[in-house]
Protein backbone atom coordinates (compact mmCIF):
# COMPACT_ATOMS: atom_id res chain seq x y z
CA UNK A 1 95.00 107.84 115.80
CA UNK A 2 95.70 106.02 112.60
CA UNK A 3 92.96 103.67 111.57
CA UNK A 4 93.18 100.01 110.69
CA UNK A 5 89.61 100.30 109.54
CA UNK A 6 90.12 103.09 107.01
CA UNK A 7 93.77 98.13 109.72
CA UNK A 8 100.29 87.96 85.99
CA UNK A 9 97.40 85.70 84.98
CA UNK A 10 94.28 84.99 86.90
CA UNK A 11 92.63 81.69 87.83
CA UNK A 12 88.84 81.22 87.80
CA UNK A 13 87.13 84.10 89.54
CA UNK A 14 84.33 82.17 91.14
CA UNK A 15 83.54 80.17 94.26
CA UNK A 16 84.70 76.86 92.86
CA UNK A 17 87.06 74.32 94.39
CA UNK A 18 89.73 76.96 94.98
CA UNK A 19 87.70 78.79 97.61
CA UNK A 20 85.62 77.80 100.62
CA UNK A 21 82.15 79.24 101.28
CA UNK A 22 82.22 82.75 102.70
CA UNK A 23 79.89 85.01 104.59
CA UNK A 24 78.48 87.81 102.48
CA UNK A 25 76.38 89.68 105.01
CA UNK A 26 78.02 92.69 106.72
CA UNK A 27 79.63 92.02 110.09
CA UNK A 28 77.72 93.37 113.12
CA UNK A 29 79.02 96.78 114.18
CA UNK A 30 81.44 97.08 117.12
CA UNK A 31 81.38 93.35 117.73
CA UNK A 32 83.46 90.28 117.14
CA UNK A 33 82.71 88.92 113.69
CA UNK A 34 81.39 85.37 113.49
CA UNK A 35 83.54 83.41 111.03
CA UNK A 36 81.37 80.39 111.71
CA UNK A 37 83.12 78.29 109.05
CA UNK A 38 86.70 79.05 110.08
CA UNK A 39 86.98 79.75 113.79
CA UNK A 40 90.09 77.55 113.94
CA UNK A 41 92.20 80.52 112.89
CA UNK A 42 91.49 82.36 116.16
CA UNK A 43 93.13 81.45 119.46
CA UNK A 44 89.93 80.85 121.44
CA UNK A 45 87.63 80.58 118.46
CA UNK A 46 86.64 84.21 119.04
CA UNK A 47 87.61 86.67 116.29
CA UNK A 48 88.91 90.19 116.96
CA UNK A 49 86.56 92.94 118.04
CA UNK A 50 86.48 95.84 115.58
CA UNK A 51 84.93 99.29 115.49
CA UNK A 52 81.64 99.92 113.74
CA UNK A 53 81.97 100.59 110.02
CA UNK A 54 80.22 99.57 106.81
CA UNK A 55 81.20 97.01 104.18
CA UNK A 56 82.98 94.46 106.38
CA UNK A 57 82.64 90.92 105.05
CA UNK A 58 83.99 87.59 106.20
CA UNK A 59 85.88 85.28 103.86
CA UNK A 60 86.93 81.78 104.90
CA UNK A 61 89.77 80.02 103.07
CA UNK A 62 91.47 76.68 103.69
CA UNK A 63 94.48 78.13 105.54
CA UNK A 64 93.39 81.62 106.62
CA UNK A 65 90.42 83.89 107.28
CA UNK A 66 89.89 87.46 106.08
CA UNK A 67 87.75 90.28 107.38
CA UNK A 68 87.51 92.33 104.21
CA UNK A 69 86.89 96.08 104.14
CA UNK A 70 84.90 97.09 101.09
CA UNK A 71 85.65 100.76 101.69
CA UNK A 72 89.42 100.31 101.22
CA UNK A 73 89.03 97.20 98.99
CA UNK A 74 91.65 95.48 101.10
CA UNK A 75 91.56 93.19 104.13
CA UNK A 76 91.01 94.77 107.51
CA UNK A 77 92.85 91.77 108.93
CA UNK A 78 93.91 88.27 107.90
CA UNK A 79 94.14 85.48 110.50
CA UNK A 80 96.19 82.28 110.37
CA UNK A 81 97.02 79.31 112.60
CA UNK A 82 100.47 77.78 112.23
CA UNK A 83 102.43 75.04 113.96
CA UNK A 84 105.38 72.74 113.30
CA UNK A 85 103.39 70.33 111.11
CA UNK A 86 101.79 73.06 109.01
CA UNK A 87 105.13 74.77 108.42
CA UNK A 88 106.63 71.44 107.37
CA UNK A 89 103.84 71.09 104.79
CA UNK A 90 104.37 74.62 103.43
CA UNK A 91 106.50 73.64 100.46
CA UNK A 92 104.06 74.19 97.60
CA UNK A 93 105.19 75.68 94.31
CA UNK A 94 104.25 79.36 94.11
CA UNK A 95 101.54 79.90 91.49
CA UNK A 96 101.52 83.72 91.03
CA UNK A 97 97.98 83.48 89.63
CA UNK A 98 96.39 86.55 91.17
CA UNK A 99 92.62 86.92 90.86
CA UNK A 100 89.78 89.21 91.89
CA UNK A 101 87.59 87.47 94.48
CA UNK A 102 84.13 87.05 92.95
CA UNK A 103 82.61 86.40 96.36
CA UNK A 104 82.90 90.12 97.08
CA UNK A 105 80.52 92.65 95.50
CA UNK A 106 82.17 94.26 92.49
CA UNK A 107 81.92 97.71 94.09
CA UNK A 108 83.84 96.49 97.16
CA UNK A 109 86.74 94.58 95.64
CA UNK A 110 90.05 95.21 93.94
CA UNK A 111 90.60 94.13 90.34
CA UNK A 112 93.82 93.10 88.62
CA UNK A 113 93.77 96.35 86.65
CA UNK A 114 94.01 98.40 89.86
CA UNK A 115 97.55 97.20 90.55
CA UNK A 116 98.81 97.33 86.97
CA UNK A 117 101.35 100.15 86.62
CA UNK A 118 100.61 101.34 90.17
CA UNK A 119 104.21 101.19 91.38
CA UNK A 120 103.16 98.90 94.23
CA UNK A 121 103.33 95.15 94.62
CA UNK A 122 100.31 93.01 95.38
CA UNK A 123 101.37 92.37 98.96
CA UNK A 124 100.11 89.15 100.55
CA UNK A 125 98.82 89.43 104.10
CA UNK A 126 98.68 85.65 104.52
CA UNK A 127 101.97 84.75 102.78
CA UNK A 128 102.00 82.32 99.87
CA UNK A 129 105.02 80.63 101.46
CA UNK A 130 102.88 79.71 104.51
CA UNK A 131 100.41 77.67 102.48
CA UNK A 132 100.36 73.91 103.29
CA UNK A 133 98.49 72.64 100.20
CA UNK A 134 98.23 73.43 96.50
CA UNK A 135 94.65 74.64 96.96
CA UNK A 136 95.61 76.90 99.85
CA UNK A 137 98.44 78.28 97.71
CA UNK A 138 96.00 79.09 94.90
CA UNK A 139 93.60 80.76 97.35
CA UNK A 140 96.35 82.97 98.79
CA UNK A 141 96.49 84.87 95.48
CA UNK A 142 92.98 86.29 95.93
CA UNK A 143 93.21 90.09 95.76
CA UNK A 144 91.11 90.05 98.95
CA UNK A 145 94.37 88.94 100.62
CA UNK A 146 96.39 91.82 99.15
CA UNK A 147 97.27 95.42 99.84
CA UNK A 148 99.27 97.86 97.69
CA UNK A 149 102.70 97.39 99.25
CA UNK A 150 106.06 99.03 98.69
CA UNK A 151 108.00 96.73 96.39
CA UNK A 152 111.25 97.07 98.35
CA UNK A 153 109.58 96.74 101.74
CA UNK A 154 107.61 93.69 100.58
CA UNK A 155 110.63 91.84 99.20
CA UNK A 156 113.01 93.03 101.93
CA UNK A 157 112.15 93.55 105.61
CA UNK A 158 108.59 92.25 105.32
CA UNK A 159 109.71 89.02 103.66
CA UNK A 160 112.29 88.63 106.44
CA UNK A 161 109.56 89.04 109.09
CA UNK A 162 107.39 86.44 107.35
CA UNK A 163 110.31 84.00 107.24
CA UNK A 164 111.14 84.58 110.91
CA UNK A 165 107.50 83.97 111.82
CA UNK A 166 107.52 80.62 110.01
CA UNK A 167 110.78 79.73 111.71
CA UNK A 168 109.27 80.53 115.11
CA UNK A 169 106.13 78.47 114.39
CA UNK A 170 108.31 75.54 113.33
CA UNK A 171 109.97 75.54 116.77
CA UNK A 172 106.86 76.24 118.87
CA UNK A 173 105.42 73.48 121.05
CA UNK A 174 101.86 74.18 119.95
CA UNK A 175 99.75 76.48 117.80
CA UNK A 176 100.86 79.99 116.88
CA UNK A 177 98.15 82.42 115.80
CA UNK A 178 99.04 85.23 113.42
CA UNK A 179 96.98 88.28 112.50
CA UNK A 180 98.23 90.59 109.76
CA UNK A 181 96.75 93.78 108.41
CA UNK A 182 97.07 97.31 107.07
CA UNK A 183 96.76 100.67 108.81
CA UNK A 184 95.75 103.83 106.94
CA UNK A 185 96.06 107.56 107.23
CA UNK A 186 92.68 109.38 107.45
CA UNK A 187 92.93 110.26 103.73
CA UNK A 188 94.99 107.47 102.20
CA UNK A 189 96.49 107.47 98.74
CA UNK A 190 94.79 105.07 96.34
CA UNK A 191 95.63 103.08 93.21
CA UNK A 192 93.56 102.09 90.22
CA UNK A 193 90.10 102.91 89.00
CA UNK A 194 88.55 101.27 92.04
CA UNK A 195 90.64 103.44 94.39
CA UNK A 196 92.28 100.66 96.36
CA UNK A 197 93.67 102.28 99.51
CA UNK A 198 97.43 102.30 100.10
CA UNK A 199 98.37 101.55 103.74
CA UNK A 200 100.70 103.79 105.70
CA UNK A 201 101.71 100.88 107.91
CA UNK A 202 101.46 97.10 108.11
CA UNK A 203 101.41 94.98 111.25
CA UNK A 204 101.85 91.29 112.01
CA UNK A 205 100.72 90.03 115.41
CA UNK A 206 102.17 86.72 116.61
CA UNK A 207 100.55 84.88 119.55
CA UNK A 208 101.99 81.66 120.97
CA UNK A 209 99.06 79.86 122.61
CA UNK A 210 101.36 77.50 124.52
CA UNK A 211 103.39 80.22 126.26
CA UNK A 212 100.71 82.97 126.16
CA UNK A 213 103.29 85.32 124.67
CA UNK A 214 102.39 87.90 122.01
CA UNK A 215 104.30 90.53 120.06
CA UNK A 216 103.75 92.53 116.90
CA UNK A 217 105.88 93.71 114.02
CA UNK A 218 105.04 97.24 112.86
CA UNK A 219 106.34 98.41 109.48
CA UNK A 220 105.98 101.63 107.52
CA UNK A 221 104.86 100.86 103.96
CA UNK A 222 107.76 102.59 102.21
CA UNK A 223 110.92 101.69 100.33
CA UNK A 224 113.41 102.81 103.00
CA UNK A 225 111.81 100.88 105.87
CA UNK A 226 114.03 98.70 108.04
CA UNK A 227 113.27 95.97 110.57
CA UNK A 228 112.86 97.35 114.08
CA UNK A 229 112.17 95.89 117.51
CA UNK A 230 108.65 94.39 117.82
CA UNK A 231 106.04 96.29 119.80
CA UNK A 232 103.86 94.89 122.60
CA UNK A 233 100.35 93.54 122.15
CA UNK A 234 98.89 96.43 124.16
CA UNK A 235 100.71 98.95 121.96
CA UNK A 236 99.27 97.33 118.83
CA UNK A 237 95.76 97.49 120.26
CA UNK A 238 96.28 101.17 121.12
CA UNK A 239 97.56 102.01 117.63
CA UNK A 240 94.86 100.16 115.69
CA UNK A 241 91.80 100.25 117.97
CA UNK A 242 91.27 96.51 117.41
CA UNK A 243 91.01 93.98 120.25
CA UNK A 244 92.78 91.13 118.48
CA UNK A 245 92.67 88.55 121.29
CA UNK A 246 89.38 89.04 123.17
CA UNK A 247 89.34 87.24 126.50
CA UNK A 248 93.13 86.77 126.50
CA UNK A 249 95.74 88.73 128.43
CA UNK A 250 99.01 87.77 126.72
CA UNK A 251 102.41 88.30 128.27
């Protein structure tokens, strides 16, 4: 099985007004992480249950939450809550000010130099276009929110999926919870001196809390990828080994 666990200029690289406080202690093994400061991004307030592994750290931002994997130097998953009002507010000017997240230990994070000349884009997991405030927009450019992503896949089918997800949330009667992340081969390719892992696949889970419906987009991280039919929630759990919606049995 593939594993989700092995799934410009920079602004100030510190925990100032652009970032909310984050957990720095490793997440308990084989258990739901805590995210005590940002449980609003999870459907029941309970984060996904992940397999035991080292170097998992929680990061809370204004508009999303990240479980960061220090082994791959990328997020294991990124969680968001969206609805009609939040989508309506998502009209901030894109900043493009990428930055290394100083809340992460230096040995566990990506740096700007890792992506330079890599042939990959710095692919947002929580999209910049989803951000409802200027501060949230600035936070979305943390490299903790990025993976090395195929340039054509990022700007093509993946951008289309992100846009469709916003469109769905704008029509939904209530909250829509979104979890996005990478999936890796057992021995993934890497970029940069810090060996940032390159995903084989990316997924985006969409859960409508009002209708209890869930589906997931599954995309190969390559230039010739095309949009395909979404997969079921149970199929995503089987492929990644992550229980994304503990206590919920979506349709």
